[in-house]
């Protein structure tokens, strides 16, 4: 059983499909409306006997009677449920921390996207906004200077062998 960590005596399933020892899940459901396995809300507190699992356990115990366990005392059951509650609280705490880290990461990515879009990029720390604007203007000027002049071809220059092949092809077409 996920709650008692013991071999099932009377296995029952909840509406989410998980199986528990009947006495353990009944105590759990008196305190909670959630699944002990997932923490998700349960639509119903109805328990369904898991006859297949019970038969399999009985067949196993006939072959291996030494692994049979004694019925769980109420105090032990309360302790097992308390431990499971603490495990669930820890899981929820870890998940909350993960969610906060992911939200911070998403915010950072959204900020990067805004900076890559149409909004101006803020000046780096320690740089005056006017100096940053001059730096952007210098970068734009150097990009423009390296671009081909208006009206000129931006295609690469052909090698002599390529020009000779093109000339021979043009002569063959003309003939």
C-alpha atoms as a PDB file:
ATOM      1  CA  UNK A   1       0.000   0.000   0.000  1.00  0.00           C
ATOM      2  CA  UNK A   2       1.407   3.451  -0.843  1.00  0.00           C
ATOM      3  CA  UNK A   3       0.268   4.761   2.544  1.00  0.00           C
ATOM      4  CA  UNK A   4       1.198   1.927   4.900  1.00  0.00           C
ATOM      5  CA  UNK A   5       4.045   0.502   2.800  1.00  0.00           C
ATOM      6  CA  UNK A   6       2.728  -2.933   3.717  1.00  0.00           C
ATOM      7  CA  UNK A   7       1.160  -5.869   1.876  1.00  0.00           C
ATOM      8  CA  UNK A   8      -2.528  -5.344   1.190  1.00  0.00           C
ATOM      9  CA  UNK A   9      -5.081  -7.146   3.357  1.00  0.00           C
ATOM     10  CA  UNK A  10      -8.157  -5.480   1.826  1.00  0.00           C
ATOM     11  CA  UNK A  11      -7.129  -3.557  -1.319  1.00  0.00           C
ATOM     12  CA  UNK A  12      -9.564  -0.940  -2.636  1.00  0.00           C
ATOM     13  CA  UNK A  13      -9.275   1.547  -5.503  1.00  0.00           C
ATOM     14  CA  UNK A  14     -10.249   5.198  -5.560  1.00  0.00           C
ATOM     15  CA  UNK A  15     -11.891   6.919  -8.521  1.00  0.00           C
ATOM     16  CA  UNK A  16      -8.454   7.923  -9.901  1.00  0.00           C
ATOM     17  CA  UNK A  17      -7.462   4.248 -10.234  1.00  0.00           C
ATOM     18  CA  UNK A  18      -4.906   4.022  -7.421  1.00  0.00           C
ATOM     19  CA  UNK A  19      -5.179   1.165  -4.919  1.00  0.00           C
ATOM     20  CA  UNK A  20      -4.786   1.437  -1.147  1.00  0.00           C
ATOM     21  CA  UNK A  21      -5.397  -0.591   1.983  1.00  0.00           C
ATOM     22  CA  UNK A  22      -9.046   0.034   2.908  1.00  0.00           C
ATOM     23  CA  UNK A  23      -8.395   1.112   6.516  1.00  0.00           C
ATOM     24  CA  UNK A  24      -5.606   3.505   5.447  1.00  0.00           C
ATOM     25  CA  UNK A  25      -7.539   5.221   2.660  1.00  0.00           C
ATOM     26  CA  UNK A  26     -10.643   5.542   4.828  1.00  0.00           C
ATOM     27  CA  UNK A  27      -8.642   7.451   7.452  1.00  0.00           C
ATOM     28  CA  UNK A  28      -7.009   9.546   4.715  1.00  0.00           C
ATOM     29  CA  UNK A  29     -10.374  10.432   3.177  1.00  0.00           C
ATOM     30  CA  UNK A  30     -11.735  11.576   6.552  1.00  0.00           C
ATOM     31  CA  UNK A  31      -9.039  14.280   6.505  1.00  0.00           C
ATOM     32  CA  UNK A  32      -8.576  14.970   2.790  1.00  0.00           C
ATOM     33  CA  UNK A  33     -10.464  15.148  -0.486  1.00  0.00           C
ATOM     34  CA  UNK A  34      -7.301  14.491  -2.509  1.00  0.00           C
ATOM     35  CA  UNK A  35      -5.412  11.487  -3.825  1.00  0.00           C
ATOM     36  CA  UNK A  36      -2.566  10.385  -1.535  1.00  0.00           C
ATOM     37  CA  UNK A  37      -0.579   9.483  -4.663  1.00  0.00           C
ATOM     38  CA  UNK A  38      -0.987  12.621  -6.752  1.00  0.00           C
ATOM     39  CA  UNK A  39      -2.452  15.273  -4.463  1.00  0.00           C
ATOM     40  CA  UNK A  40      -5.132  15.897  -7.099  1.00  0.00           C
ATOM     41  CA  UNK A  41      -8.720  16.367  -5.935  1.00  0.00           C
ATOM     42  CA  UNK A  42     -10.824  13.197  -5.996  1.00  0.00           C
ATOM     43  CA  UNK A  43     -14.224  13.488  -7.706  1.00  0.00           C
ATOM     44  CA  UNK A  44     -15.640  10.881  -5.343  1.00  0.00           C
ATOM     45  CA  UNK A  45     -14.810   9.207  -2.057  1.00  0.00           C
ATOM     46  CA  UNK A  46     -16.249   5.928  -3.286  1.00  0.00           C
ATOM     47  CA  UNK A  47     -13.957   2.916  -2.854  1.00  0.00           C
ATOM     48  CA  UNK A  48     -14.057  -0.123  -5.120  1.00  0.00           C
ATOM     49  CA  UNK A  49     -12.711  -3.493  -3.963  1.00  0.00           C
ATOM     50  CA  UNK A  50      -9.759  -4.636  -6.048  1.00  0.00           C
ATOM     51  CA  UNK A  51     -10.594  -8.342  -6.244  1.00  0.00           C
ATOM     52  CA  UNK A  52      -7.909  -9.142  -8.826  1.00  0.00           C
ATOM     53  CA  UNK A  53      -5.137  -7.751  -6.654  1.00  0.00           C
ATOM     54  CA  UNK A  54      -6.538  -9.439  -3.557  1.00  0.00           C
ATOM     55  CA  UNK A  55      -6.568 -12.828  -5.355  1.00  0.00           C
ATOM     56  CA  UNK A  56      -3.024 -12.327  -6.625  1.00  0.00           C
ATOM     57  CA  UNK A  57      -1.793 -11.453  -3.115  1.00  0.00           C
ATOM     58  CA  UNK A  58      -3.543 -14.484  -1.611  1.00  0.00           C
ATOM     59  CA  UNK A  59      -1.972 -16.768  -4.231  1.00  0.00           C
ATOM     60  CA  UNK A  60       1.446 -15.238  -3.549  1.00  0.00           C
ATOM     61  CA  UNK A  61       1.068 -15.627   0.229  1.00  0.00           C
ATOM     62  CA  UNK A  62       0.158 -19.305  -0.196  1.00  0.00           C
ATOM     63  CA  UNK A  63       3.545 -19.820  -1.824  1.00  0.00           C
ATOM     64  CA  UNK A  64       5.445 -17.387   0.441  1.00  0.00           C
ATOM     65  CA  UNK A  65       3.618 -17.334   3.828  1.00  0.00           C
ATOM     66  CA  UNK A  66       6.696 -15.889   5.588  1.00  0.00           C
ATOM     67  CA  UNK A  67       6.103 -12.459   3.996  1.00  0.00           C
ATOM     68  CA  UNK A  68       2.572 -12.122   5.360  1.00  0.00           C
ATOM     69  CA  UNK A  69       2.189  -9.178   7.696  1.00  0.00           C
ATOM     70  CA  UNK A  70       0.129  -8.708  10.801  1.00  0.00           C
ATOM     71  CA  UNK A  71      -2.846  -6.360  10.645  1.00  0.00           C
ATOM     72  CA  UNK A  72      -1.853  -2.747  11.200  1.00  0.00           C
ATOM     73  CA  UNK A  73      -2.599  -1.216  14.602  1.00  0.00           C
ATOM     74  CA  UNK A  74      -4.524   2.068  14.615  1.00  0.00           C
ATOM     75  CA  UNK A  75      -1.543   3.963  16.033  1.00  0.00           C
ATOM     76  CA  UNK A  76       0.676   2.623  13.266  1.00  0.00           C
ATOM     77  CA  UNK A  77      -1.944   3.578  10.693  1.00  0.00           C
ATOM     78  CA  UNK A  78      -2.114   7.127  12.053  1.00  0.00           C
ATOM     79  CA  UNK A  79       1.670   7.361  11.902  1.00  0.00           C
ATOM     80  CA  UNK A  80       1.749   6.018   8.325  1.00  0.00           C
ATOM     81  CA  UNK A  81      -0.797   8.624   7.247  1.00  0.00           C
ATOM     82  CA  UNK A  82       1.129  11.387   9.003  1.00  0.00           C
ATOM     83  CA  UNK A  83       4.297  10.364   7.141  1.00  0.00           C
ATOM     84  CA  UNK A  84       2.389  10.324   3.830  1.00  0.00           C
ATOM     85  CA  UNK A  85       0.994  13.806   4.550  1.00  0.00           C
ATOM     86  CA  UNK A  86       4.511  15.086   5.202  1.00  0.00           C
ATOM     87  CA  UNK A  87       5.740  13.504   1.966  1.00  0.00           C
ATOM     88  CA  UNK A  88       2.910  15.200   0.048  1.00  0.00           C
ATOM     89  CA  UNK A  89       3.659  18.584   1.670  1.00  0.00           C
ATOM     90  CA  UNK A  90       7.315  18.217   0.687  1.00  0.00           C
ATOM     91  CA  UNK A  91       6.356  17.325  -2.910  1.00  0.00           C
ATOM     92  CA  UNK A  92       4.040  20.338  -3.109  1.00  0.00           C
ATOM     93  CA  UNK A  93       6.779  22.581  -1.706  1.00  0.00           C
ATOM     94  CA  UNK A  94       9.267  21.286  -4.298  1.00  0.00           C
ATOM     95  CA  UNK A  95       6.714  21.767  -7.075  1.00  0.00           C
ATOM     96  CA  UNK A  96       6.016  25.338  -5.900  1.00  0.00           C
ATOM     97  CA  UNK A  97       9.746  26.109  -5.990  1.00  0.00           C
ATOM     98  CA  UNK A  98      10.014  24.638  -9.491  1.00  0.00           C
ATOM     99  CA  UNK A  99       7.017  26.679 -10.641  1.00  0.00           C
ATOM    100  CA  UNK A 100       8.551  29.894  -9.256  1.00  0.00           C
ATOM    101  CA  UNK A 101      11.877  29.149 -11.016  1.00  0.00           C
ATOM    102  CA  UNK A 102      10.069  28.426 -14.301  1.00  0.00           C
ATOM    103  CA  UNK A 103       7.983  31.601 -13.996  1.00  0.00           C
ATOM    104  CA  UNK A 104      11.146  33.665 -13.452  1.00  0.00           C
ATOM    105  CA  UNK A 105      12.719  31.965 -16.479  1.00  0.00           C
ATOM    106  CA  UNK A 106       9.635  32.713 -18.599  1.00  0.00           C
ATOM    107  CA  UNK A 107       9.723  36.365 -17.531  1.00  0.00           C
ATOM    108  CA  UNK A 108      13.402  36.580 -18.502  1.00  0.00           C
ATOM    109  CA  UNK A 109      12.667  35.020 -21.893  1.00  0.00           C
ATOM    110  CA  UNK A 110       9.753  37.401 -22.460  1.00  0.00           C
ATOM    111  CA  UNK A 111      12.058  40.305 -21.645  1.00  0.00           C
ATOM    112  CA  UNK A 112      14.604  39.023 -24.169  1.00  0.00           C
ATOM    113  CA  UNK A 113      11.881  38.700 -26.813  1.00  0.00           C
ATOM    114  CA  UNK A 114      10.741  42.291 -26.180  1.00  0.00           C
ATOM    115  CA  UNK A 115      14.339  43.490 -26.544  1.00  0.00           C
ATOM    116  CA  UNK A 116      14.724  41.645 -29.838  1.00  0.00           C
ATOM    117  CA  UNK A 117      11.443  43.064 -31.122  1.00  0.00           C
ATOM    118  CA  UNK A 118      10.556  46.638 -31.984  1.00  0.00           C
ATOM    119  CA  UNK A 119      11.175  48.083 -28.541  1.00  0.00           C
ATOM    120  CA  UNK A 120      14.539  49.809 -27.981  1.00  0.00           C
ATOM    121  CA  UNK A 121      17.188  47.882 -26.117  1.00  0.00           C
ATOM    122  CA  UNK A 122      18.171  49.593 -22.856  1.00  0.00           C
ATOM    123  CA  UNK A 123      21.721  50.832 -22.470  1.00  0.00           C
ATOM    124  CA  UNK A 124      24.130  48.449 -20.746  1.00  0.00           C
ATOM    125  CA  UNK A 125      24.943  49.251 -17.121  1.00  0.00           C
ATOM    126  CA  UNK A 126      27.423  52.076 -16.750  1.00  0.00           C
ATOM    127  CA  UNK A 127      26.825  53.452 -20.263  1.00  0.00           C
ATOM    128  CA  UNK A 128      25.006  56.757 -20.648  1.00  0.00           C
ATOM    129  CA  UNK A 129      21.928  56.582 -22.927  1.00  0.00           C
ATOM    130  CA  UNK A 130      23.500  59.124 -25.367  1.00  0.00           C
ATOM    131  CA  UNK A 131      26.664  57.016 -25.677  1.00  0.00           C
ATOM    132  CA  UNK A 132      24.550  53.922 -26.294  1.00  0.00           C
ATOM    133  CA  UNK A 133      22.666  55.748 -29.053  1.00  0.00           C
ATOM    134  CA  UNK A 134      25.963  56.853 -30.631  1.00  0.00           C
ATOM    135  CA  UNK A 135      27.218  53.265 -30.472  1.00  0.00           C
ATOM    136  CA  UNK A 136      24.043  52.059 -32.216  1.00  0.00           C
ATOM    137  CA  UNK A 137      24.440  54.758 -34.859  1.00  0.00           C
ATOM    138  CA  UNK A 138      28.092  53.766 -35.415  1.00  0.00           C
ATOM    139  CA  UNK A 139      27.048  50.116 -35.810  1.00  0.00           C
ATOM    140  CA  UNK A 140      24.363  51.070 -38.323  1.00  0.00           C
ATOM    141  CA  UNK A 141      26.857  53.195 -40.268  1.00  0.00           C
ATOM    142  CA  UNK A 142      29.422  50.402 -40.424  1.00  0.00           C
ATOM    143  CA  UNK A 143      26.732  47.975 -41.624  1.00  0.00           C
ATOM    144  CA  UNK A 144      25.699  50.441 -44.329  1.00  0.00           C
ATOM    145  CA  UNK A 145      29.332  50.982 -45.389  1.00  0.00           C
ATOM    146  CA  UNK A 146      29.875  47.275 -45.828  1.00  0.00           C
ATOM    147  CA  UNK A 147      26.689  46.860 -47.900  1.00  0.00           C
ATOM    148  CA  UNK A 148      27.039  47.000 -51.722  1.00  0.00           C
ATOM    149  CA  UNK A 149      26.427  50.368 -53.342  1.00  0.00           C
ATOM    150  CA  UNK A 150      22.936  51.035 -54.680  1.00  0.00           C
ATOM    151  CA  UNK A 151      22.533  49.612 -58.156  1.00  0.00           C
ATOM    152  CA  UNK A 152      25.485  47.266 -57.832  1.00  0.00           C
ATOM    153  CA  UNK A 153      25.144  43.528 -57.825  1.00  0.00           C
ATOM    154  CA  UNK A 154      25.357  41.788 -54.491  1.00  0.00           C
ATOM    155  CA  UNK A 155      26.290  38.513 -56.207  1.00  0.00           C
ATOM    156  CA  UNK A 156      29.828  37.190 -55.752  1.00  0.00           C
ATOM    157  CA  UNK A 157      32.375  37.859 -58.502  1.00  0.00           C
ATOM    158  CA  UNK A 158      32.772  34.896 -60.884  1.00  0.00           C
ATOM    159  CA  UNK A 159      36.178  33.275 -61.292  1.00  0.00           C
ATOM    160  CA  UNK A 160      37.922  33.410 -64.738  1.00  0.00           C
ATOM    161  CA  UNK A 161      37.028  29.757 -65.359  1.00  0.00           C
ATOM    162  CA  UNK A 162      33.355  30.450 -64.580  1.00  0.00           C
ATOM    163  CA  UNK A 163      33.347  33.499 -66.900  1.00  0.00           C
ATOM    164  CA  UNK A 164      34.941  31.432 -69.704  1.00  0.00           C
ATOM    165  CA  UNK A 165      32.300  28.701 -69.251  1.00  0.00           C
ATOM    166  CA  UNK A 166      29.512  31.304 -69.329  1.00  0.00           C
ATOM    167  CA  UNK A 167      30.955  32.864 -72.521  1.00  0.00           C
ATOM    168  CA  UNK A 168      31.205  29.459 -74.214  1.00  0.00           C
ATOM    169  CA  UNK A 169      27.616  28.692 -73.225  1.00  0.00           C
ATOM    170  CA  UNK A 170      26.427  32.033 -74.628  1.00  0.00           C
ATOM    171  CA  UNK A 171      28.268  31.394 -77.951  1.00  0.00           C
ATOM    172  CA  UNK A 172      26.709  27.912 -78.189  1.00  0.00           C
ATOM    173  CA  UNK A 173      23.233  29.367 -77.697  1.00  0.00           C
ATOM    174  CA  UNK A 174      23.863  32.039 -80.346  1.00  0.00           C
ATOM    175  CA  UNK A 175      25.034  29.503 -82.930  1.00  0.00           C
END
